[in-house]
């Protein structure tokens, strides 16, 4: 269980405040208009920026003061998720160790992670030889190998076409359930939202709405309805 307990951070342009929980095997979509604080929320949870109050607990452990590398989380952004000079298998290996010479030692784990995301046939290729969707899957395989408990995805598929975005989200859904991950996905796309369990809607730095995603999309409150209409 990830518990974000009354966290807050104030900036010149706005204040972000959040209080929610997310469970194992769950995808929580984070959405809202531009400037609502979606990326800031992800960065606060990941530990990239400090919060001024509240705390974050992961499986009952307070990780509020832990460095990002010690939070048992993996953050995946829209771009820069691979190292273009390394093969796919070596990019994936970085999830377990920075020592690339240790590939034989982790061969079975690397192969399993690549197989889980459909990259087995591309192990020896460089990222530039892959499609955008395949390159994003490198980050997913690396995350699987790292065995991080929480995945934080900040619009990782925004540059992809609609069908490929949905395919990638379906893969995220499958991996989240099969590995009992806690996954937060920032997205603007209603069709992507439908693949999640719950929706957290941010507006002006505060959680305007949170709840069962399908119920909210079928009968959205006013602020969410206005956002979806736009």
Protein backbone atom coordinates (compact mmCIF):
# COMPACT_ATOMS: atom_id res chain seq x y z
CA UNK A 1 0.00 0.00 0.00
CA UNK A 2 1.23 3.48 -0.92
CA UNK A 3 -0.06 6.14 1.47
CA UNK A 4 0.35 9.81 0.53
CA UNK A 5 -0.64 11.50 3.76
CA UNK A 6 -1.47 15.20 3.72
CA UNK A 7 1.60 16.22 1.73
CA UNK A 8 2.01 19.81 0.62
CA UNK A 9 4.55 21.97 -1.15
CA UNK A 10 4.27 25.69 -1.91
CA UNK A 11 5.70 27.38 -4.98
CA UNK A 12 5.45 30.97 -6.23
CA UNK A 13 2.70 30.04 -8.69
CA UNK A 14 0.64 27.59 -6.64
CA UNK A 15 0.45 25.18 -3.69
CA UNK A 16 0.15 21.44 -4.21
CA UNK A 17 -1.70 19.40 -1.58
CA UNK A 18 -2.58 15.70 -1.76
CA UNK A 19 -3.91 12.94 0.46
CA UNK A 20 -4.70 9.49 -0.98
CA UNK A 21 -3.83 5.78 -1.02
CA UNK A 22 -3.08 3.24 -3.76
CA UNK A 23 -2.97 -0.52 -3.38
CA UNK A 24 -1.04 -3.43 -4.88
CA UNK A 25 -2.19 -4.46 -8.34
CA UNK A 26 -3.88 -1.09 -8.89
CA UNK A 27 -3.46 1.51 -11.61
CA UNK A 28 -4.30 5.01 -10.43
CA UNK A 29 -4.63 7.55 -13.24
CA UNK A 30 -3.55 11.11 -12.39
CA UNK A 31 -5.16 13.68 -14.65
CA UNK A 32 -6.10 17.34 -14.74
CA UNK A 33 -5.58 20.51 -16.77
CA UNK A 34 -2.15 21.90 -17.59
CA UNK A 35 -0.54 23.47 -14.53
CA UNK A 36 -2.70 21.48 -12.10
CA UNK A 37 0.35 19.87 -10.49
CA UNK A 38 0.41 16.37 -12.01
CA UNK A 39 4.14 16.19 -12.65
CA UNK A 40 4.85 17.96 -9.36
CA UNK A 41 2.87 15.27 -7.53
CA UNK A 42 4.88 12.51 -9.22
CA UNK A 43 8.16 14.28 -8.41
CA UNK A 44 7.17 14.75 -4.75
CA UNK A 45 6.30 11.07 -4.39
CA UNK A 46 9.52 10.03 -6.13
CA UNK A 47 11.57 12.33 -3.87
CA UNK A 48 12.94 14.50 -6.68
CA UNK A 49 11.66 17.64 -4.98
CA UNK A 50 11.10 18.19 -1.23
CA UNK A 51 7.70 18.49 0.39
CA UNK A 52 7.04 20.92 3.21
CA UNK A 53 4.60 18.84 5.20
CA UNK A 54 3.00 15.41 5.37
CA UNK A 55 4.56 12.04 4.81
CA UNK A 56 4.69 9.13 2.36
CA UNK A 57 4.47 5.52 3.49
CA UNK A 58 5.14 2.43 1.41
CA UNK A 59 3.98 -0.85 2.96
CA UNK A 60 3.81 0.91 6.35
CA UNK A 61 7.39 2.24 6.10
CA UNK A 62 7.84 6.01 6.21
CA UNK A 63 9.96 6.91 3.16
CA UNK A 64 9.39 10.66 3.31
CA UNK A 65 13.04 11.47 3.99
CA UNK A 66 14.55 8.73 1.82
CA UNK A 67 16.59 9.55 -1.26
CA UNK A 68 14.86 8.76 -4.58
CA UNK A 69 17.05 5.69 -5.07
CA UNK A 70 15.97 4.30 -1.69
CA UNK A 71 12.20 4.67 -2.18
CA UNK A 72 11.62 1.39 -4.06
CA UNK A 73 10.11 3.36 -6.96
CA UNK A 74 10.74 3.60 -10.68
CA UNK A 75 9.87 6.77 -12.63
CA UNK A 76 9.30 6.60 -16.39
CA UNK A 77 9.02 9.79 -18.43
CA UNK A 78 7.94 10.51 -22.00
CA UNK A 79 11.50 10.45 -23.32
CA UNK A 80 15.11 9.74 -22.36
CA UNK A 81 14.26 6.30 -21.01
CA UNK A 82 17.05 4.48 -22.80
CA UNK A 83 20.76 4.79 -23.54
CA UNK A 84 21.11 4.92 -27.35
CA UNK A 85 24.66 3.55 -27.43
CA UNK A 86 23.69 0.35 -25.59
CA UNK A 87 21.84 -2.65 -26.94
CA UNK A 88 18.34 -3.44 -25.71
CA UNK A 89 19.57 -6.21 -23.44
CA UNK A 90 22.22 -3.97 -21.88
CA UNK A 91 19.69 -1.20 -21.36
CA UNK A 92 17.49 -3.71 -19.52
CA UNK A 93 20.46 -5.01 -17.51
CA UNK A 94 20.83 -1.56 -15.94
CA UNK A 95 17.73 -2.36 -13.91
CA UNK A 96 19.79 -4.86 -11.95
CA UNK A 97 23.34 -3.49 -12.06
CA UNK A 98 25.39 -0.69 -13.68
CA UNK A 99 28.14 -3.23 -14.40
CA UNK A 100 27.45 -4.26 -17.98
CA UNK A 101 30.06 -7.01 -17.84
CA UNK A 102 27.70 -8.85 -15.50
CA UNK A 103 25.23 -9.63 -18.28
CA UNK A 104 25.98 -13.41 -18.14
CA UNK A 105 25.24 -13.39 -14.41
CA UNK A 106 21.81 -11.83 -14.95
CA UNK A 107 21.08 -13.47 -18.31
CA UNK A 108 17.97 -15.38 -17.20
CA UNK A 109 16.45 -12.31 -15.47
CA UNK A 110 17.18 -10.04 -18.46
CA UNK A 111 15.68 -12.57 -20.86
CA UNK A 112 12.57 -12.94 -18.70
CA UNK A 113 12.07 -9.17 -18.47
CA UNK A 114 12.46 -8.72 -22.23
CA UNK A 115 10.04 -11.59 -22.88
CA UNK A 116 7.47 -10.04 -20.53
CA UNK A 117 7.32 -6.87 -22.65
CA UNK A 118 7.78 -8.45 -26.09
CA UNK A 119 11.37 -7.43 -26.76
CA UNK A 120 13.10 -10.84 -26.96
CA UNK A 121 13.61 -10.59 -30.73
CA UNK A 122 15.33 -7.21 -30.39
CA UNK A 123 17.88 -7.99 -27.65
CA UNK A 124 20.96 -7.15 -29.73
CA UNK A 125 19.57 -4.06 -31.44
CA UNK A 126 20.26 -0.46 -30.53
CA UNK A 127 17.27 1.63 -29.42
CA UNK A 128 17.42 3.80 -32.55
CA UNK A 129 16.49 0.72 -34.60
CA UNK A 130 13.21 0.31 -32.69
CA UNK A 131 9.84 2.02 -32.91
CA UNK A 132 8.79 4.55 -30.29
CA UNK A 133 6.58 2.02 -28.53
CA UNK A 134 9.34 -0.59 -28.46
CA UNK A 135 11.78 1.94 -27.00
CA UNK A 136 9.35 2.70 -24.20
CA UNK A 137 9.14 -1.03 -23.48
CA UNK A 138 12.86 -1.00 -22.72
CA UNK A 139 12.09 1.15 -19.69
CA UNK A 140 9.32 -1.24 -18.63
CA UNK A 141 11.64 -4.26 -18.87
CA UNK A 142 14.33 -2.43 -16.93
CA UNK A 143 11.76 -1.56 -14.27
CA UNK A 144 10.70 -5.20 -13.99
CA UNK A 145 14.30 -6.26 -13.51
CA UNK A 146 14.82 -3.63 -10.82
CA UNK A 147 11.89 -5.15 -8.87
CA UNK A 148 10.74 -1.71 -7.75
CA UNK A 149 7.40 -1.78 -5.93
CA UNK A 150 5.93 1.49 -7.27
CA UNK A 151 5.88 2.63 -10.89
CA UNK A 152 5.39 6.35 -11.58
CA UNK A 153 4.66 7.05 -15.24
CA UNK A 154 4.53 10.68 -16.34
CA UNK A 155 2.83 10.70 -19.77
CA UNK A 156 5.31 8.12 -21.07
CA UNK A 157 3.35 7.38 -24.25
CA UNK A 158 2.26 10.89 -25.24
CA UNK A 159 4.39 10.84 -28.41
CA UNK A 160 2.81 7.61 -29.67
CA UNK A 161 -0.27 7.16 -31.84
CA UNK A 162 -3.64 6.40 -30.22
CA UNK A 163 -3.64 2.64 -30.87
CA UNK A 164 -0.06 2.17 -29.69
CA UNK A 165 -0.77 4.24 -26.54
CA UNK A 166 -3.64 1.92 -25.67
CA UNK A 167 -1.49 -1.16 -26.36
CA UNK A 168 1.20 0.16 -24.03
CA UNK A 169 -1.35 0.89 -21.30
CA UNK A 170 -2.75 -2.62 -21.69
CA UNK A 171 0.75 -3.94 -21.14
CA UNK A 172 1.11 -1.75 -18.04
CA UNK A 173 -2.20 -3.11 -16.79
CA UNK A 174 -1.03 -6.69 -17.29
CA UNK A 175 2.34 -6.10 -15.60
CA UNK A 176 0.76 -4.25 -12.69
CA UNK A 177 -1.62 -7.09 -11.91
CA UNK A 178 0.80 -9.98 -12.51
CA UNK A 179 3.57 -8.38 -10.42
CA UNK A 180 1.26 -6.73 -7.86
CA UNK A 181 2.76 -3.31 -8.54
CA UNK A 182 1.41 0.04 -7.42
CA UNK A 183 1.20 2.12 -10.60
CA UNK A 184 0.44 5.83 -11.02
CA UNK A 185 -0.01 7.03 -14.60
CA UNK A 186 -0.25 10.69 -15.61
CA UNK A 187 -2.35 10.97 -18.78
CA UNK A 188 -4.74 13.33 -20.58
CA UNK A 189 -6.34 10.67 -22.77
CA UNK A 190 -9.82 9.38 -21.84
CA UNK A 191 -9.28 6.11 -23.74
CA UNK A 192 -6.14 5.50 -21.67
CA UNK A 193 -7.97 6.34 -18.46
CA UNK A 194 -10.45 3.52 -19.12
CA UNK A 195 -7.70 0.94 -18.59
CA UNK A 196 -7.10 2.05 -14.99
CA UNK A 197 -8.88 1.30 -11.72
CA UNK A 198 -9.28 4.74 -10.18
CA UNK A 199 -8.95 8.34 -11.24
CA UNK A 200 -7.26 11.11 -9.26
CA UNK A 201 -8.26 14.45 -10.79
CA UNK A 202 -6.10 17.43 -9.87
CA UNK A 203 -7.25 21.01 -10.25
CA UNK A 204 -5.22 24.05 -9.18
CA UNK A 205 -2.90 21.96 -7.02
CA UNK A 206 -5.59 20.07 -5.11
CA UNK A 207 -7.36 16.75 -5.54
CA UNK A 208 -10.71 17.79 -6.94
CA UNK A 209 -12.01 14.22 -7.38
CA UNK A 210 -10.81 10.69 -6.67
CA UNK A 211 -12.71 7.45 -7.08
CA UNK A 212 -13.70 4.54 -9.32
CA UNK A 213 -12.64 5.57 -12.79
CA UNK A 214 -15.50 4.18 -14.85
CA UNK A 215 -18.10 5.59 -12.48
CA UNK A 216 -16.48 9.03 -12.63
CA UNK A 217 -16.15 9.03 -16.41
CA UNK A 218 -19.75 7.87 -16.83
CA UNK A 219 -21.07 10.53 -14.45
CA UNK A 220 -18.32 13.16 -13.98
CA UNK A 221 -18.59 16.01 -11.48
CA UNK A 222 -18.60 19.51 -12.96
CA UNK A 223 -14.84 20.20 -12.97
CA UNK A 224 -14.02 16.83 -14.52
CA UNK A 225 -16.83 17.16 -17.06
CA UNK A 226 -15.51 20.56 -18.16
CA UNK A 227 -11.99 19.14 -18.51
CA UNK A 228 -13.15 16.16 -20.57
CA UNK A 229 -15.22 18.46 -22.80
CA UNK A 230 -12.14 20.53 -23.55
